Amino acid sequence: MYYLLAGRSLTGTQRMEKALARAGIGSMTVRSPTAAQVSGCGYCVRVTEKNYKGAINALELSNLSPKHVFFCSGSGNCTEVPF
């Protein structure tokens, strides 16, 4: 299980990934799956369930925030969650 942090643009998503790397949090930029697509950018930063809270805190400290957050199960079902 993992979280997808949807960016406002590809550049914004890449900035989130770099901020997380500086904070020592592993992540990767991925295309948004169909279940997690909303208007805007088609890319997300994927973080593990274990690293989710730390990722949100690191992004806040970097003055970055995702546009949407999705929780995805192993079967690929994604649900938008508040952050």
PDB file of N, CA and C in Angstrom:
ATOM      1  N   MET A   1       0.840  -1.180   0.000  1.00  0.00           N
ATOM      2  CA  MET A   1       0.000   0.000   0.000  1.00  0.00           C
ATOM      3  C   MET A   1       0.885   1.244   0.000  1.00  0.00           C
ATOM      4  N   TYR A   2       0.403   2.274  -0.645  1.00  0.00           N
ATOM      5  CA  TYR A   2       1.207   3.467  -0.818  1.00  0.00           C
ATOM      6  C   TYR A   2       0.299   4.682  -1.015  1.00  0.00           C
ATOM      7  N   TYR A   3       0.923   5.850  -0.991  1.00  0.00           N
ATOM      8  CA  TYR A   3       0.218   7.113  -1.231  1.00  0.00           C
ATOM      9  C   TYR A   3       0.756   7.748  -2.501  1.00  0.00           C
ATOM     10  N   LEU A   4      -0.122   8.434  -3.214  1.00  0.00           N
ATOM     11  CA  LEU A   4       0.262   9.225  -4.370  1.00  0.00           C
ATOM     12  C   LEU A   4      -0.023  10.683  -4.056  1.00  0.00           C
ATOM     13  N   LEU A   5       0.978  11.515  -4.191  1.00  0.00           N
ATOM     14  CA  LEU A   5       0.851  12.950  -3.945  1.00  0.00           C
ATOM     15  C   LEU A   5       0.832  13.633  -5.307  1.00  0.00           C
ATOM     16  N   ALA A   6      -0.322  14.098  -5.718  1.00  0.00           N
ATOM     17  CA  ALA A   6      -0.487  14.682  -7.042  1.00  0.00           C
ATOM     18  C   ALA A   6       0.015  16.121  -7.053  1.00  0.00           C
ATOM     19  N   GLY A   7       0.853  16.416  -8.028  1.00  0.00           N
ATOM     20  CA  GLY A   7       1.380  17.761  -8.155  1.00  0.00           C
ATOM     21  C   GLY A   7       0.499  18.639  -9.021  1.00  0.00           C
ATOM     22  N   ARG A   8       0.784  19.917  -8.985  1.00  0.00           N
ATOM     23  CA  ARG A   8       0.035  20.874  -9.811  1.00  0.00           C
ATOM     24  C   ARG A   8       0.559  20.884 -11.247  1.00  0.00           C
ATOM     25  N   SER A   9       1.806  20.464 -11.419  1.00  0.00           N
ATOM     26  CA  SER A   9       2.444  20.388 -12.737  1.00  0.00           C
ATOM     27  C   SER A   9       3.566  19.360 -12.634  1.00  0.00           C
ATOM     28  N   LEU A  10       4.128  18.977 -13.774  1.00  0.00           N
ATOM     29  CA  LEU A  10       5.247  18.042 -13.744  1.00  0.00           C
ATOM     30  C   LEU A  10       6.419  18.650 -12.978  1.00  0.00           C
ATOM     31  N   THR A  11       6.690  19.928 -13.210  1.00  0.00           N
ATOM     32  CA  THR A  11       7.793  20.595 -12.510  1.00  0.00           C
ATOM     33  C   THR A  11       7.544  20.615 -11.007  1.00  0.00           C
ATOM     34  N   GLY A  12       6.319  20.916 -10.595  1.00  0.00           N
ATOM     35  CA  GLY A  12       5.974  20.917  -9.173  1.00  0.00           C
ATOM     36  C   GLY A  12       6.121  19.541  -8.553  1.00  0.00           C
ATOM     37  N   THR A  13       5.746  18.529  -9.308  1.00  0.00           N
ATOM     38  CA  THR A  13       5.880  17.156  -8.823  1.00  0.00           C
ATOM     39  C   THR A  13       7.352  16.799  -8.657  1.00  0.00           C
ATOM     40  N   GLN A  14       8.177  17.198  -9.605  1.00  0.00           N
ATOM     41  CA  GLN A  14       9.609  16.936  -9.503  1.00  0.00           C
ATOM     42  C   GLN A  14      10.228  17.698  -8.333  1.00  0.00           C
ATOM     43  N   ARG A  15       9.744  18.902  -8.056  1.00  0.00           N
ATOM     44  CA  ARG A  15      10.231  19.662  -6.896  1.00  0.00           C
ATOM     45  C   ARG A  15       9.871  18.938  -5.599  1.00  0.00           C
ATOM     46  N   MET A  16       8.658  18.378  -5.545  1.00  0.00           N
ATOM     47  CA  MET A  16       8.273  17.621  -4.347  1.00  0.00           C
ATOM     48  C   MET A  16       9.198  16.428  -4.162  1.00  0.00           C
ATOM     49  N   GLU A  17       9.493  15.706  -5.238  1.00  0.00           N
ATOM     50  CA  GLU A  17      10.378  14.543  -5.138  1.00  0.00           C
ATOM     51  C   GLU A  17      11.765  14.955  -4.645  1.00  0.00           C
ATOM     52  N   LYS A  18      12.296  16.063  -5.153  1.00  0.00           N
ATOM     53  CA  LYS A  18      13.623  16.533  -4.720  1.00  0.00           C
ATOM     54  C   LYS A  18      13.613  16.961  -3.257  1.00  0.00           C
ATOM     55  N   ALA A  19      12.532  17.609  -2.807  1.00  0.00           N
ATOM     56  CA  ALA A  19      12.427  18.017  -1.404  1.00  0.00           C
ATOM     57  C   ALA A  19      12.400  16.790  -0.498  1.00  0.00           C
ATOM     58  N   LEU A  20      11.698  15.764  -0.932  1.00  0.00           N
ATOM     59  CA  LEU A  20      11.641  14.532  -0.139  1.00  0.00           C
ATOM     60  C   LEU A  20      13.009  13.851  -0.105  1.00  0.00           C
ATOM     61  N   ALA A  21      13.723  13.874  -1.216  1.00  0.00           N
ATOM     62  CA  ALA A  21      15.072  13.285  -1.247  1.00  0.00           C
ATOM     63  C   ALA A  21      15.998  14.022  -0.282  1.00  0.00           C
ATOM     64  N   ARG A  22      15.901  15.359  -0.256  1.00  0.00           N
ATOM     65  CA  ARG A  22      16.729  16.135   0.682  1.00  0.00           C
ATOM     66  C   ARG A  22      16.398  15.786   2.132  1.00  0.00           C
ATOM     67  N   ALA A  23      15.144  15.410   2.389  1.00  0.00           N
ATOM     68  CA  ALA A  23      14.717  15.045   3.745  1.00  0.00           C
ATOM     69  C   ALA A  23      15.008  13.572   4.048  1.00  0.00           C
ATOM     70  N   GLY A  24      15.574  12.856   3.088  1.00  0.00           N
ATOM     71  CA  GLY A  24      15.903  11.442   3.304  1.00  0.00           C
ATOM     72  C   GLY A  24      14.720  10.513   3.159  1.00  0.00           C
ATOM     73  N   ILE A  25      13.689  10.951   2.454  1.00  0.00           N
ATOM     74  CA  ILE A  25      12.483  10.140   2.263  1.00  0.00           C
ATOM     75  C   ILE A  25      12.467   9.638   0.828  1.00  0.00           C
ATOM     76  N   GLY A  26      12.463   8.333   0.679  1.00  0.00           N
ATOM     77  CA  GLY A  26      12.439   7.735  -0.643  1.00  0.00           C
ATOM     78  C   GLY A  26      11.104   7.959  -1.329  1.00  0.00           C
ATOM     79  N   SER A  27      11.149   8.335  -2.599  1.00  0.00           N
ATOM     80  CA  SER A  27       9.939   8.560  -3.382  1.00  0.00           C
ATOM     81  C   SER A  27      10.299   8.435  -4.845  1.00  0.00           C
ATOM     82  N   MET A  28       9.281   8.418  -5.696  1.00  0.00           N
ATOM     83  CA  MET A  28       9.520   8.417  -7.131  1.00  0.00           C
ATOM     84  C   MET A  28       8.361   9.085  -7.844  1.00  0.00           C
ATOM     85  N   THR A  29       8.674   9.773  -8.934  1.00  0.00           N
ATOM     86  CA  THR A  29       7.650  10.398  -9.760  1.00  0.00           C
ATOM     87  C   THR A  29       7.104   9.333 -10.704  1.00  0.00           C
ATOM     88  N   VAL A  30       5.787   9.220 -10.732  1.00  0.00           N
ATOM     89  CA  VAL A  30       5.127   8.225 -11.582  1.00  0.00           C
ATOM     90  C   VAL A  30       3.947   8.873 -12.299  1.00  0.00           C
ATOM     91  N   ARG A  31       3.519   8.263 -13.399  1.00  0.00           N
ATOM     92  CA  ARG A  31       2.297   8.695 -14.064  1.00  0.00           C
ATOM     93  C   ARG A  31       1.136   8.359 -13.147  1.00  0.00           C
ATOM     94  N   SER A  32       0.151   9.237 -13.112  1.00  0.00           N
ATOM     95  CA  SER A  32      -1.036   8.991 -12.288  1.00  0.00           C
ATOM     96  C   SER A  32      -1.830   7.839 -12.886  1.00  0.00           C
ATOM     97  N   PRO A  33      -2.161   6.828 -12.075  1.00  0.00           N
ATOM     98  CA  PRO A  33      -3.010   5.767 -12.603  1.00  0.00           C
ATOM     99  C   PRO A  33      -4.414   6.314 -12.875  1.00  0.00           C
ATOM    100  N   THR A  34      -5.158   5.625 -13.695  1.00  0.00           N
ATOM    101  CA  THR A  34      -6.509   6.061 -14.043  1.00  0.00           C
ATOM    102  C   THR A  34      -7.349   6.312 -12.801  1.00  0.00           C
ATOM    103  N   ALA A  35      -7.197   5.469 -11.790  1.00  0.00           N
ATOM    104  CA  ALA A  35      -7.995   5.590 -10.563  1.00  0.00           C
ATOM    105  C   ALA A  35      -7.665   6.852  -9.776  1.00  0.00           C
ATOM    106  N   ALA A  36      -6.524   7.493 -10.080  1.00  0.00           N
ATOM    107  CA  ALA A  36      -6.107   8.674  -9.319  1.00  0.00           C
ATOM    108  C   ALA A  36      -5.999   9.917 -10.191  1.00  0.00           C
ATOM    109  N   GLN A  37      -6.620   9.907 -11.349  1.00  0.00           N
ATOM    110  CA  GLN A  37      -6.502  11.075 -12.220  1.00  0.00           C
ATOM    111  C   GLN A  37      -7.594  12.083 -11.924  1.00  0.00           C
ATOM    112  N   VAL A  38      -7.172  13.308 -11.811  1.00  0.00           N
ATOM    113  CA  VAL A  38      -8.065  14.450 -11.638  1.00  0.00           C
ATOM    114  C   VAL A  38      -7.564  15.530 -12.586  1.00  0.00           C
ATOM    115  N   SER A  39      -8.250  16.628 -12.638  1.00  0.00           N
ATOM    116  CA  SER A  39      -7.804  17.695 -13.530  1.00  0.00           C
ATOM    117  C   SER A  39      -6.426  18.179 -13.112  1.00  0.00           C
ATOM    118  N   GLY A  40      -5.651  18.563 -14.084  1.00  0.00           N
ATOM    119  CA  GLY A  40      -4.320  19.069 -13.792  1.00  0.00           C
ATOM    120  C   GLY A  40      -3.243  18.121 -14.269  1.00  0.00           C
ATOM    121  N   CYS A  41      -2.169  18.071 -13.550  1.00  0.00           N
ATOM    122  CA  CYS A  41      -0.997  17.296 -13.920  1.00  0.00           C
ATOM    123  C   CYS A  41      -1.282  15.799 -13.899  1.00  0.00           C
ATOM    124  N   GLY A  42      -0.675  15.071 -14.795  1.00  0.00           N
ATOM    125  CA  GLY A  42      -0.853  13.622 -14.848  1.00  0.00           C
ATOM    126  C   GLY A  42       0.253  12.862 -14.142  1.00  0.00           C
ATOM    127  N   TYR A  43       0.967  13.530 -13.235  1.00  0.00           N
ATOM    128  CA  TYR A  43       2.067  12.893 -12.519  1.00  0.00           C
ATOM    129  C   TYR A  43       1.879  13.019 -11.013  1.00  0.00           C
ATOM    130  N   CYS A  44       2.425  12.046 -10.298  1.00  0.00           N
ATOM    131  CA  CYS A  44       2.344  12.012  -8.834  1.00  0.00           C
ATOM    132  C   CYS A  44       3.693  11.597  -8.272  1.00  0.00           C
ATOM    133  N   VAL A  45       3.875  11.891  -7.004  1.00  0.00           N
ATOM    134  CA  VAL A  45       5.012  11.364  -6.257  1.00  0.00           C
ATOM    135  C   VAL A  45       4.479  10.207  -5.425  1.00  0.00           C
ATOM    136  N   ARG A  46       5.111   9.059  -5.560  1.00  0.00           N
ATOM    137  CA  ARG A  46       4.683   7.865  -4.827  1.00  0.00           C
ATOM    138  C   ARG A  46       5.553   7.708  -3.585  1.00  0.00           C
ATOM    139  N   VAL A  47       4.901   7.573  -2.415  1.00  0.00           N
ATOM    140  CA  VAL A  47       5.605   7.323  -1.154  1.00  0.00           C
ATOM    141  C   VAL A  47       4.945   6.144  -0.458  1.00  0.00           C
ATOM    142  N   THR A  48       5.718   5.448   0.338  1.00  0.00           N
ATOM    143  CA  THR A  48       5.170   4.316   1.067  1.00  0.00           C
ATOM    144  C   THR A  48       4.261   4.781   2.191  1.00  0.00           C
ATOM    145  N   GLU A  49       3.419   3.887   2.620  1.00  0.00           N
ATOM    146  CA  GLU A  49       2.520   4.189   3.737  1.00  0.00           C
ATOM    147  C   GLU A  49       3.330   4.587   4.969  1.00  0.00           C
ATOM    148  N   LYS A  50       4.448   3.929   5.174  1.00  0.00           N
ATOM    149  CA  LYS A  50       5.318   4.199   6.326  1.00  0.00           C
ATOM    150  C   LYS A  50       5.886   5.628   6.296  1.00  0.00           C
ATOM    151  N   ASN A  51       6.178   6.141   5.103  1.00  0.00           N
ATOM    152  CA  ASN A  51       6.814   7.452   4.968  1.00  0.00           C
ATOM    153  C   ASN A  51       5.842   8.597   4.736  1.00  0.00           C
ATOM    154  N   TYR A  52       4.546   8.326   4.698  1.00  0.00           N
ATOM    155  CA  TYR A  52       3.561   9.334   4.326  1.00  0.00           C
ATOM    156  C   TYR A  52       3.585  10.569   5.233  1.00  0.00           C
ATOM    157  N   LYS A  53       3.468  10.380   6.536  1.00  0.00           N
ATOM    158  CA  LYS A  53       3.423  11.530   7.454  1.00  0.00           C
ATOM    159  C   LYS A  53       4.704  12.354   7.383  1.00  0.00           C
ATOM    160  N   GLY A  54       5.838  11.685   7.329  1.00  0.00           N
ATOM    161  CA  GLY A  54       7.110  12.392   7.201  1.00  0.00           C
ATOM    162  C   GLY A  54       7.201  13.152   5.891  1.00  0.00           C
ATOM    163  N   ALA A  55       6.638  12.588   4.820  1.00  0.00           N
ATOM    164  CA  ALA A  55       6.654  13.252   3.514  1.00  0.00           C
ATOM    165  C   ALA A  55       5.824  14.528   3.552  1.00  0.00           C
ATOM    166  N   ILE A  56       4.643  14.465   4.135  1.00  0.00           N
ATOM    167  CA  ILE A  56       3.790  15.655   4.227  1.00  0.00           C
ATOM    168  C   ILE A  56       4.491  16.731   5.047  1.00  0.00           C
ATOM    169  N   ASN A  57       5.109  16.341   6.165  1.00  0.00           N
ATOM    170  CA  ASN A  57       5.838  17.311   7.001  1.00  0.00           C
ATOM    171  C   ASN A  57       7.008  17.925   6.241  1.00  0.00           C
ATOM    172  N   ALA A  58       7.761  17.107   5.514  1.00  0.00           N
ATOM    173  CA  ALA A  58       8.912  17.614   4.757  1.00  0.00           C
ATOM    174  C   ALA A  58       8.463  18.579   3.666  1.00  0.00           C
ATOM    175  N   LEU A  59       7.355  18.277   3.023  1.00  0.00           N
ATOM    176  CA  LEU A  59       6.852  19.178   1.978  1.00  0.00           C
ATOM    177  C   LEU A  59       6.399  20.505   2.575  1.00  0.00           C
ATOM    178  N   GLU A  60       5.742  20.453   3.726  1.00  0.00           N
ATOM    179  CA  GLU A  60       5.317  21.693   4.385  1.00  0.00           C
ATOM    180  C   GLU A  60       6.519  22.559   4.743  1.00  0.00           C
ATOM    181  N   LEU A  61       7.581  21.932   5.233  1.00  0.00           N
ATOM    182  CA  LEU A  61       8.793  22.677   5.585  1.00  0.00           C
ATOM    183  C   LEU A  61       9.458  23.293   4.354  1.00  0.00           C
ATOM    184  N   SER A  62       9.216  22.702   3.194  1.00  0.00           N
ATOM    185  CA  SER A  62       9.780  23.209   1.942  1.00  0.00           C
ATOM    186  C   SER A  62       8.817  24.144   1.210  1.00  0.00           C
ATOM    187  N   ASN A  63       7.713  24.484   1.864  1.00  0.00           N
ATOM    188  CA  ASN A  63       6.683  25.344   1.271  1.00  0.00           C
ATOM    189  C   ASN A  63       6.104  24.754  -0.009  1.00  0.00           C
ATOM    190  N   LEU A  64       5.951  23.440  -0.025  1.00  0.00           N
ATOM    191  CA  LEU A  64       5.341  22.732  -1.143  1.00  0.00           C
ATOM    192  C   LEU A  64       4.151  21.945  -0.606  1.00  0.00           C
ATOM    193  N   SER A  65       3.176  21.733  -1.448  1.00  0.00           N
ATOM    194  CA  SER A  65       2.060  20.896  -1.029  1.00  0.00           C
ATOM    195  C   SER A  65       1.443  20.226  -2.253  1.00  0.00           C
ATOM    196  N   PRO A  66       0.965  19.010  -2.079  1.00  0.00           N
ATOM    197  CA  PRO A  66       0.314  18.337  -3.197  1.00  0.00           C
ATOM    198  C   PRO A  66      -1.056  18.947  -3.477  1.00  0.00           C
ATOM    199  N   LYS A  67      -1.504  18.795  -4.694  1.00  0.00           N
ATOM    200  CA  LYS A  67      -2.839  19.267  -5.063  1.00  0.00           C
ATOM    201  C   LYS A  67      -3.894  18.290  -4.548  1.00  0.00           C
ATOM    202  N   HIS A  68      -3.590  16.993  -4.642  1.00  0.00           N
ATOM    203  CA  HIS A  68      -4.463  15.928  -4.164  1.00  0.00           C
ATOM    204  C   HIS A  68      -3.590  14.828  -3.589  1.00  0.00           C
ATOM    205  N   VAL A  69      -4.156  14.045  -2.661  1.00  0.00           N
ATOM    206  CA  VAL A  69      -3.470  12.888  -2.100  1.00  0.00           C
ATOM    207  C   VAL A  69      -4.390  11.684  -2.250  1.00  0.00           C
ATOM    208  N   PHE A  70      -3.821  10.577  -2.717  1.00  0.00           N
ATOM    209  CA  PHE A  70      -4.578   9.345  -2.893  1.00  0.00           C
ATOM    210  C   PHE A  70      -3.918   8.221  -2.114  1.00  0.00           C
ATOM    211  N   PHE A  71      -4.742   7.395  -1.482  1.00  0.00           N
ATOM    212  CA  PHE A  71      -4.260   6.173  -0.834  1.00  0.00           C
ATOM    213  C   PHE A  71      -4.579   5.035  -1.779  1.00  0.00           C
ATOM    214  N   CYS A  72      -3.583   4.241  -2.128  1.00  0.00           N
ATOM    215  CA  CYS A  72      -3.761   3.157  -3.089  1.00  0.00           C
ATOM    216  C   CYS A  72      -3.466   1.813  -2.428  1.00  0.00           C
ATOM    217  N   SER A  73      -4.375   0.882  -2.633  1.00  0.00           N
ATOM    218  CA  SER A  73      -4.195  -0.472  -2.106  1.00  0.00           C
ATOM    219  C   SER A  73      -3.344  -1.271  -3.083  1.00  0.00           C
ATOM    220  N   GLY A  74      -2.952  -2.426  -2.665  1.00  0.00           N
ATOM    221  CA  GLY A  74      -2.128  -3.294  -3.503  1.00  0.00           C
ATOM    222  C   GLY A  74      -2.814  -3.689  -4.801  1.00  0.00           C
ATOM    223  N   SER A  75      -4.146  -3.688  -4.805  1.00  0.00           N
ATOM    224  CA  SER A  75      -4.892  -4.084  -6.004  1.00  0.00           C
ATOM    225  C   SER A  75      -5.015  -2.931  -7.006  1.00  0.00           C
ATOM    226  N   GLY A  76      -4.511  -1.751  -6.660  1.00  0.00           N
ATOM    227  CA  GLY A  76      -4.544  -0.627  -7.569  1.00  0.00           C
ATOM    228  C   GLY A  76      -5.721   0.301  -7.378  1.00  0.00           C
ATOM    229  N   ASN A  77      -6.587   0.019  -6.416  1.00  0.00           N
ATOM    230  CA  ASN A  77      -7.708   0.925  -6.131  1.00  0.00           C
ATOM    231  C   ASN A  77      -7.182   2.131  -5.348  1.00  0.00           C
ATOM    232  N   CYS A  78      -7.487   3.325  -5.837  1.00  0.00           N
ATOM    233  CA  CYS A  78      -7.010   4.551  -5.202  1.00  0.00           C
ATOM    234  C   CYS A  78      -8.193   5.395  -4.753  1.00  0.00           C
ATOM    235  N   THR A  79      -8.083   5.936  -3.541  1.00  0.00           N
ATOM    236  CA  THR A  79      -9.124   6.773  -2.971  1.00  0.00           C
ATOM    237  C   THR A  79      -8.499   8.080  -2.520  1.00  0.00           C
ATOM    238  N   GLU A  80      -9.129   9.194  -2.867  1.00  0.00           N
ATOM    239  CA  GLU A  80      -8.611  10.485  -2.427  1.00  0.00           C
ATOM    240  C   GLU A  80      -8.819  10.633  -0.924  1.00  0.00           C
ATOM    241  N   VAL A  81      -7.786  11.136  -0.246  1.00  0.00           N
ATOM    242  CA  VAL A  81      -7.858  11.327   1.199  1.00  0.00           C
ATOM    243  C   VAL A  81      -7.491  12.763   1.535  1.00  0.00           C
ATOM    244  N   PRO A  82      -8.011  13.284   2.650  1.00  0.00           N
ATOM    245  CA  PRO A  82      -7.627  14.639   3.069  1.00  0.00           C
ATOM    246  C   PRO A  82      -6.184  14.631   3.588  1.00  0.00           C
ATOM    247  N   PHE A  83      -5.535  15.774   3.520  1.00  0.00           N
ATOM    248  CA  PHE A  83      -4.170  15.867   4.069  1.00  0.00           C
ATOM    249  C   PHE A  83      -3.998  17.139   4.840  1.00  0.00           C
TER     250      PHE A  83
END
